Amino acid sequence: MIRTIRVLKALAEWEDNLVEFKWGKTDCVHFADFVTKKITGHSVMPDWAVYGNEDEAHEIVDEKGGFLEALEFALGDSLEPDQLKIGDIALARLPIVGEIVGIHMPYQFVTVHHKGLIQCSDSYEVCGWKV
C-alpha cells in the first residue's frame, strides 16, 4: 500500500511541476527515474545517460544497440511484463510513438511525451525492471 501511495504522489508531483517537455530533463527516461527515486530514494540513471536534445539521446541509444539494450545495460536483464508491480520501470511499444520507457501501473502503462503524461493499456508493455 505504501508503494502505491508513493507512486501516485510521484505522478501527481510530476504533473504539477512539469512546465514543458525537454530532452535530457523531463523526457520519458527522466520521468521513470523520477518515479523510481520517489519509491526507492535513489536514482537509476547511469552516468553515461547525459544528453541535451533528441539527437544526442538517439546517439546514446544507438551506441548501446537500441533502446532495450541501453536499458538492460543500465538496469540489468529485463523481465516479462506479467512480473511487474506498480511503479516498476517498463518499456512499451506504442503506435506512432514507438519504443518509450515509463512506469507500470495496474492494467496501465504511464509515461511522458511531448504533450504531457500518457496513460494507455499495459498490453503495450514489452518488458520491464523491478525497482
N, C-alpha and C. Protein backbone atom coordinates (compact mmCIF):
# COMPACT_ATOMS: atom_id res chain seq x y z
N MET A 1 0.81 -1.19 0.00
CA MET A 1 0.00 0.00 0.00
C MET A 1 0.86 1.27 0.00
N ILE A 2 1.97 1.26 0.76
CA ILE A 2 2.85 2.42 0.82
C ILE A 2 3.45 2.70 -0.55
N ARG A 3 3.84 1.65 -1.26
CA ARG A 3 4.41 1.81 -2.60
C ARG A 3 3.39 2.48 -3.52
N THR A 4 2.15 2.03 -3.48
CA THR A 4 1.10 2.61 -4.32
C THR A 4 0.94 4.10 -4.03
N ILE A 5 0.94 4.47 -2.77
CA ILE A 5 0.81 5.87 -2.39
C ILE A 5 2.00 6.67 -2.91
N ARG A 6 3.20 6.13 -2.78
CA ARG A 6 4.40 6.83 -3.28
C ARG A 6 4.33 7.04 -4.79
N VAL A 7 3.88 6.02 -5.51
CA VAL A 7 3.78 6.14 -6.98
C VAL A 7 2.74 7.19 -7.35
N LEU A 8 1.59 7.15 -6.73
CA LEU A 8 0.53 8.11 -7.05
C LEU A 8 0.96 9.54 -6.69
N LYS A 9 1.65 9.71 -5.57
CA LYS A 9 2.16 11.03 -5.20
C LYS A 9 3.21 11.51 -6.20
N ALA A 10 4.07 10.60 -6.64
CA ALA A 10 5.09 10.96 -7.63
C ALA A 10 4.45 11.40 -8.95
N LEU A 11 3.43 10.68 -9.39
CA LEU A 11 2.74 11.06 -10.63
C LEU A 11 2.10 12.44 -10.49
N ALA A 12 1.47 12.69 -9.37
CA ALA A 12 0.84 13.99 -9.14
C ALA A 12 1.89 15.11 -9.07
N GLU A 13 2.99 14.84 -8.39
CA GLU A 13 4.06 15.84 -8.29
C GLU A 13 4.66 16.14 -9.65
N TRP A 14 4.90 15.10 -10.44
CA TRP A 14 5.45 15.29 -11.79
C TRP A 14 4.52 16.17 -12.61
N GLU A 15 3.26 15.83 -12.60
CA GLU A 15 2.29 16.57 -13.41
C GLU A 15 2.14 18.01 -12.92
N ASP A 16 2.15 18.22 -11.61
CA ASP A 16 2.01 19.56 -11.05
C ASP A 16 3.20 20.45 -11.38
N ASN A 17 4.39 19.87 -11.45
CA ASN A 17 5.62 20.65 -11.63
C ASN A 17 6.15 20.69 -13.06
N LEU A 18 5.54 19.94 -13.95
CA LEU A 18 6.03 19.88 -15.33
C LEU A 18 5.66 21.16 -16.06
N VAL A 19 6.66 21.89 -16.50
CA VAL A 19 6.42 23.12 -17.25
C VAL A 19 6.37 22.80 -18.74
N GLU A 20 7.37 22.12 -19.23
CA GLU A 20 7.39 21.72 -20.62
C GLU A 20 8.29 20.49 -20.79
N PHE A 21 8.05 19.74 -21.84
CA PHE A 21 8.87 18.58 -22.17
C PHE A 21 10.23 19.07 -22.65
N LYS A 22 11.29 18.47 -22.13
CA LYS A 22 12.63 18.82 -22.58
C LYS A 22 13.50 17.57 -22.55
N TRP A 23 14.09 17.27 -23.69
CA TRP A 23 15.00 16.13 -23.77
C TRP A 23 16.13 16.31 -22.77
N GLY A 24 16.45 15.23 -22.05
CA GLY A 24 17.53 15.26 -21.08
C GLY A 24 17.15 15.85 -19.73
N LYS A 25 15.91 16.30 -19.58
CA LYS A 25 15.45 16.89 -18.32
C LYS A 25 14.09 16.34 -17.90
N THR A 26 13.12 16.38 -18.80
CA THR A 26 11.75 15.98 -18.47
C THR A 26 11.19 15.03 -19.53
N ASP A 27 12.04 14.16 -20.05
CA ASP A 27 11.60 13.18 -21.05
C ASP A 27 11.21 11.87 -20.36
N CYS A 28 10.91 10.84 -21.14
CA CYS A 28 10.41 9.59 -20.57
C CYS A 28 11.42 8.90 -19.64
N VAL A 29 12.70 8.98 -19.97
CA VAL A 29 13.73 8.35 -19.14
C VAL A 29 13.81 9.06 -17.79
N HIS A 30 13.79 10.37 -17.81
CA HIS A 30 13.85 11.13 -16.56
C HIS A 30 12.56 10.99 -15.74
N PHE A 31 11.44 10.81 -16.43
CA PHE A 31 10.18 10.55 -15.75
C PHE A 31 10.27 9.23 -14.97
N ALA A 32 10.72 8.17 -15.64
CA ALA A 32 10.83 6.87 -14.98
C ALA A 32 11.81 6.94 -13.80
N ASP A 33 12.90 7.67 -13.98
CA ASP A 33 13.87 7.82 -12.90
C ASP A 33 13.28 8.63 -11.74
N PHE A 34 12.52 9.66 -12.04
CA PHE A 34 11.86 10.48 -11.01
C PHE A 34 10.95 9.61 -10.14
N VAL A 35 10.11 8.81 -10.76
CA VAL A 35 9.20 7.95 -10.01
C VAL A 35 9.99 6.92 -9.20
N THR A 36 11.03 6.36 -9.81
CA THR A 36 11.87 5.39 -9.11
C THR A 36 12.50 6.01 -7.86
N LYS A 37 12.99 7.26 -7.99
CA LYS A 37 13.58 7.94 -6.83
C LYS A 37 12.56 8.15 -5.73
N LYS A 38 11.32 8.42 -6.10
CA LYS A 38 10.27 8.63 -5.10
C LYS A 38 9.91 7.33 -4.39
N ILE A 39 10.09 6.20 -5.07
CA ILE A 39 9.79 4.90 -4.46
C ILE A 39 10.95 4.41 -3.62
N THR A 40 12.16 4.47 -4.19
CA THR A 40 13.33 3.83 -3.56
C THR A 40 14.27 4.79 -2.85
N GLY A 41 14.22 6.06 -3.20
CA GLY A 41 15.14 7.02 -2.62
C GLY A 41 16.44 7.19 -3.39
N HIS A 42 16.60 6.42 -4.49
CA HIS A 42 17.82 6.59 -5.28
C HIS A 42 17.53 6.56 -6.78
N SER A 43 18.45 7.14 -7.53
CA SER A 43 18.34 7.22 -8.98
C SER A 43 18.88 5.96 -9.64
N VAL A 44 18.32 5.63 -10.79
CA VAL A 44 18.84 4.51 -11.59
C VAL A 44 19.48 5.01 -12.88
N MET A 45 19.60 6.34 -13.02
CA MET A 45 20.20 6.91 -14.23
C MET A 45 21.71 6.67 -14.22
N PRO A 46 22.23 6.02 -15.26
CA PRO A 46 23.68 5.82 -15.32
C PRO A 46 24.39 7.13 -15.71
N ASP A 47 25.65 7.23 -15.37
CA ASP A 47 26.44 8.43 -15.67
C ASP A 47 26.54 8.70 -17.17
N TRP A 48 26.49 7.65 -17.98
CA TRP A 48 26.64 7.83 -19.43
C TRP A 48 25.36 8.31 -20.11
N ALA A 49 24.28 8.39 -19.39
CA ALA A 49 22.99 8.77 -19.99
C ALA A 49 22.73 10.27 -19.84
N VAL A 50 23.67 11.07 -20.31
CA VAL A 50 23.53 12.53 -20.26
C VAL A 50 23.39 13.03 -21.69
N TYR A 51 22.33 13.77 -21.93
CA TYR A 51 22.06 14.30 -23.27
C TYR A 51 21.22 15.56 -23.14
N GLY A 52 21.30 16.41 -24.14
CA GLY A 52 20.58 17.67 -24.09
C GLY A 52 19.53 17.85 -25.16
N ASN A 53 19.47 16.91 -26.10
CA ASN A 53 18.45 17.02 -27.14
C ASN A 53 18.13 15.63 -27.69
N GLU A 54 17.16 15.57 -28.58
CA GLU A 54 16.71 14.29 -29.12
C GLU A 54 17.81 13.56 -29.87
N ASP A 55 18.59 14.28 -30.67
CA ASP A 55 19.67 13.64 -31.44
C ASP A 55 20.70 12.99 -30.52
N GLU A 56 21.07 13.69 -29.46
CA GLU A 56 22.04 13.12 -28.52
C GLU A 56 21.47 11.90 -27.81
N ALA A 57 20.19 11.93 -27.48
CA ALA A 57 19.55 10.77 -26.86
C ALA A 57 19.59 9.57 -27.80
N HIS A 58 19.28 9.80 -29.07
CA HIS A 58 19.30 8.71 -30.05
C HIS A 58 20.72 8.18 -30.28
N GLU A 59 21.72 9.06 -30.20
CA GLU A 59 23.11 8.62 -30.34
C GLU A 59 23.47 7.63 -29.23
N ILE A 60 23.09 7.95 -28.01
CA ILE A 60 23.37 7.07 -26.86
C ILE A 60 22.68 5.73 -27.06
N VAL A 61 21.42 5.76 -27.45
CA VAL A 61 20.66 4.53 -27.69
C VAL A 61 21.32 3.71 -28.79
N ASP A 62 21.70 4.37 -29.87
CA ASP A 62 22.34 3.67 -30.99
C ASP A 62 23.68 3.06 -30.59
N GLU A 63 24.45 3.77 -29.77
CA GLU A 63 25.75 3.25 -29.29
C GLU A 63 25.57 1.96 -28.49
N LYS A 64 24.46 1.84 -27.78
CA LYS A 64 24.20 0.65 -26.96
C LYS A 64 23.50 -0.46 -27.76
N GLY A 65 23.09 -0.17 -28.99
CA GLY A 65 22.48 -1.20 -29.82
C GLY A 65 20.96 -1.13 -29.88
N GLY A 66 20.35 -0.14 -29.25
CA GLY A 66 18.89 0.01 -29.24
C GLY A 66 18.41 0.42 -27.86
N PHE A 67 17.15 0.78 -27.79
CA PHE A 67 16.58 1.27 -26.53
C PHE A 67 16.56 0.16 -25.48
N LEU A 68 16.10 -1.02 -25.85
CA LEU A 68 16.07 -2.15 -24.92
C LEU A 68 17.48 -2.45 -24.42
N GLU A 69 18.44 -2.49 -25.33
CA GLU A 69 19.82 -2.80 -24.95
C GLU A 69 20.40 -1.73 -24.02
N ALA A 70 20.08 -0.47 -24.27
CA ALA A 70 20.57 0.61 -23.40
C ALA A 70 19.96 0.47 -22.01
N LEU A 71 18.67 0.15 -21.96
CA LEU A 71 18.02 -0.03 -20.66
C LEU A 71 18.57 -1.24 -19.92
N GLU A 72 18.81 -2.33 -20.65
CA GLU A 72 19.38 -3.52 -20.00
C GLU A 72 20.81 -3.26 -19.53
N PHE A 73 21.56 -2.47 -20.28
CA PHE A 73 22.91 -2.10 -19.87
C PHE A 73 22.87 -1.34 -18.54
N ALA A 74 21.86 -0.47 -18.39
CA ALA A 74 21.74 0.35 -17.19
C ALA A 74 21.06 -0.38 -16.03
N LEU A 75 20.04 -1.20 -16.35
CA LEU A 75 19.17 -1.76 -15.31
C LEU A 75 19.30 -3.27 -15.12
N GLY A 76 20.02 -3.93 -16.00
CA GLY A 76 20.14 -5.38 -15.91
C GLY A 76 19.14 -6.08 -16.83
N ASP A 77 19.09 -7.38 -16.73
CA ASP A 77 18.18 -8.16 -17.58
C ASP A 77 16.73 -7.77 -17.33
N SER A 78 15.98 -7.71 -18.41
CA SER A 78 14.57 -7.33 -18.31
C SER A 78 13.72 -8.53 -17.92
N LEU A 79 12.52 -8.23 -17.44
CA LEU A 79 11.54 -9.24 -17.04
C LEU A 79 10.33 -9.15 -17.96
N GLU A 80 9.54 -10.21 -17.97
CA GLU A 80 8.28 -10.19 -18.70
C GLU A 80 7.32 -9.22 -18.01
N PRO A 81 6.45 -8.56 -18.77
CA PRO A 81 5.52 -7.59 -18.18
C PRO A 81 4.65 -8.16 -17.05
N ASP A 82 4.30 -9.44 -17.12
CA ASP A 82 3.43 -10.01 -16.09
C ASP A 82 4.15 -10.16 -14.74
N GLN A 83 5.45 -9.92 -14.70
CA GLN A 83 6.22 -9.99 -13.45
C GLN A 83 6.35 -8.63 -12.77
N LEU A 84 5.80 -7.58 -13.38
CA LEU A 84 5.96 -6.23 -12.86
C LEU A 84 4.87 -5.89 -11.85
N LYS A 85 5.22 -4.99 -10.93
CA LYS A 85 4.23 -4.47 -9.98
C LYS A 85 4.20 -2.95 -10.12
N ILE A 86 3.28 -2.33 -9.45
CA ILE A 86 3.09 -0.89 -9.56
C ILE A 86 4.40 -0.14 -9.31
N GLY A 87 4.72 0.78 -10.21
CA GLY A 87 5.91 1.60 -10.08
C GLY A 87 7.17 1.05 -10.72
N ASP A 88 7.13 -0.21 -11.16
CA ASP A 88 8.31 -0.76 -11.84
C ASP A 88 8.49 -0.07 -13.19
N ILE A 89 9.73 -0.02 -13.65
CA ILE A 89 10.04 0.58 -14.94
C ILE A 89 9.64 -0.40 -16.05
N ALA A 90 9.00 0.13 -17.09
CA ALA A 90 8.57 -0.71 -18.21
C ALA A 90 8.96 -0.06 -19.53
N LEU A 91 9.21 -0.89 -20.51
CA LEU A 91 9.42 -0.46 -21.88
C LEU A 91 8.19 -0.86 -22.68
N ALA A 92 7.63 0.09 -23.40
CA ALA A 92 6.44 -0.19 -24.20
C ALA A 92 6.70 0.18 -25.66
N ARG A 93 5.92 -0.41 -26.53
CA ARG A 93 5.91 -0.03 -27.95
C ARG A 93 4.52 0.51 -28.26
N LEU A 94 4.45 1.82 -28.43
CA LEU A 94 3.17 2.47 -28.66
C LEU A 94 3.00 2.80 -30.14
N PRO A 95 1.78 2.69 -30.64
CA PRO A 95 1.53 3.09 -32.03
C PRO A 95 1.95 4.54 -32.23
N ILE A 96 2.52 4.82 -33.34
CA ILE A 96 3.00 6.14 -33.75
C ILE A 96 4.26 6.56 -32.97
N VAL A 97 4.26 6.44 -31.64
CA VAL A 97 5.37 6.87 -30.80
C VAL A 97 6.57 5.94 -30.93
N GLY A 98 6.34 4.64 -30.94
CA GLY A 98 7.42 3.66 -30.95
C GLY A 98 7.80 3.24 -29.54
N GLU A 99 9.08 2.91 -29.34
CA GLU A 99 9.54 2.47 -28.03
C GLU A 99 9.65 3.66 -27.08
N ILE A 100 9.17 3.45 -25.87
CA ILE A 100 9.18 4.51 -24.86
C ILE A 100 9.21 3.85 -23.48
N VAL A 101 9.92 4.47 -22.57
CA VAL A 101 10.02 3.93 -21.21
C VAL A 101 9.07 4.69 -20.29
N GLY A 102 8.57 3.98 -19.29
CA GLY A 102 7.65 4.59 -18.35
C GLY A 102 7.48 3.72 -17.13
N ILE A 103 6.32 3.82 -16.53
CA ILE A 103 6.04 3.15 -15.28
C ILE A 103 4.85 2.19 -15.44
N HIS A 104 5.01 1.00 -14.89
CA HIS A 104 3.92 0.02 -14.90
C HIS A 104 2.94 0.36 -13.78
N MET A 105 1.67 0.34 -14.13
CA MET A 105 0.57 0.52 -13.18
C MET A 105 -0.39 -0.65 -13.40
N PRO A 106 -1.28 -0.90 -12.45
CA PRO A 106 -2.24 -1.97 -12.68
C PRO A 106 -3.05 -1.72 -13.96
N TYR A 107 -2.88 -2.58 -14.91
CA TYR A 107 -3.59 -2.53 -16.20
C TYR A 107 -3.24 -1.31 -17.04
N GLN A 108 -2.21 -0.55 -16.67
CA GLN A 108 -1.84 0.65 -17.40
C GLN A 108 -0.33 0.78 -17.51
N PHE A 109 0.05 1.53 -18.52
CA PHE A 109 1.42 1.98 -18.70
C PHE A 109 1.35 3.51 -18.69
N VAL A 110 2.21 4.15 -17.90
CA VAL A 110 2.20 5.61 -17.79
C VAL A 110 3.59 6.12 -18.16
N THR A 111 3.61 7.14 -18.99
CA THR A 111 4.87 7.75 -19.40
C THR A 111 4.64 9.21 -19.71
N VAL A 112 5.69 9.89 -20.12
CA VAL A 112 5.58 11.29 -20.51
C VAL A 112 6.09 11.43 -21.94
N HIS A 113 5.43 12.30 -22.67
CA HIS A 113 5.77 12.58 -24.05
C HIS A 113 5.62 14.07 -24.27
N HIS A 114 5.80 14.52 -25.48
CA HIS A 114 5.74 15.96 -25.77
C HIS A 114 4.47 16.63 -25.27
N LYS A 115 3.38 15.90 -25.19
CA LYS A 115 2.10 16.50 -24.80
C LYS A 115 1.71 16.21 -23.36
N GLY A 116 2.65 15.77 -22.55
CA GLY A 116 2.36 15.52 -21.14
C GLY A 116 2.31 14.04 -20.82
N LEU A 117 1.63 13.72 -19.72
CA LEU A 117 1.52 12.32 -19.30
C LEU A 117 0.64 11.54 -20.28
N ILE A 118 1.06 10.33 -20.57
CA ILE A 118 0.30 9.42 -21.42
C ILE A 118 -0.06 8.21 -20.57
N GLN A 119 -1.30 7.80 -20.61
CA GLN A 119 -1.74 6.56 -19.97
C GLN A 119 -2.35 5.69 -21.05
N CYS A 120 -1.95 4.43 -21.06
CA CYS A 120 -2.52 3.50 -22.02
C CYS A 120 -2.52 2.10 -21.41
N SER A 121 -3.03 1.16 -22.13
CA SER A 121 -3.11 -0.21 -21.65
C SER A 121 -1.71 -0.79 -21.43
N ASP A 122 -1.57 -1.59 -20.38
CA ASP A 122 -0.29 -2.26 -20.15
C ASP A 122 -0.02 -3.34 -21.18
N SER A 123 -0.96 -3.60 -22.06
CA SER A 123 -0.73 -4.59 -23.12
C SER A 123 0.35 -4.13 -24.10
N TYR A 124 0.70 -2.85 -24.08
CA TYR A 124 1.77 -2.33 -24.94
C TYR A 124 3.15 -2.57 -24.34
N GLU A 125 3.20 -2.98 -23.08
CA GLU A 125 4.50 -3.21 -22.44
C GLU A 125 5.19 -4.43 -23.06
N VAL A 126 6.47 -4.26 -23.32
CA VAL A 126 7.29 -5.31 -23.91
C VAL A 126 8.06 -6.06 -22.83
N CYS A 127 8.55 -5.29 -21.85
CA CYS A 127 9.34 -5.86 -20.76
C CYS A 127 9.49 -4.81 -19.68
N GLY A 128 10.19 -5.15 -18.60
CA GLY A 128 10.36 -4.19 -17.54
C GLY A 128 11.42 -4.60 -16.54
N TRP A 129 11.57 -3.77 -15.52
CA TRP A 129 12.58 -3.96 -14.49
C TRP A 129 11.99 -3.63 -13.13
N LYS A 130 12.28 -4.43 -12.16
CA LYS A 130 11.83 -4.16 -10.79
C LYS A 130 12.66 -3.02 -10.20
N VAL A 131 11.99 -2.20 -9.40
CA VAL A 131 12.71 -1.12 -8.71
C VAL A 131 12.53 -1.29 -7.21
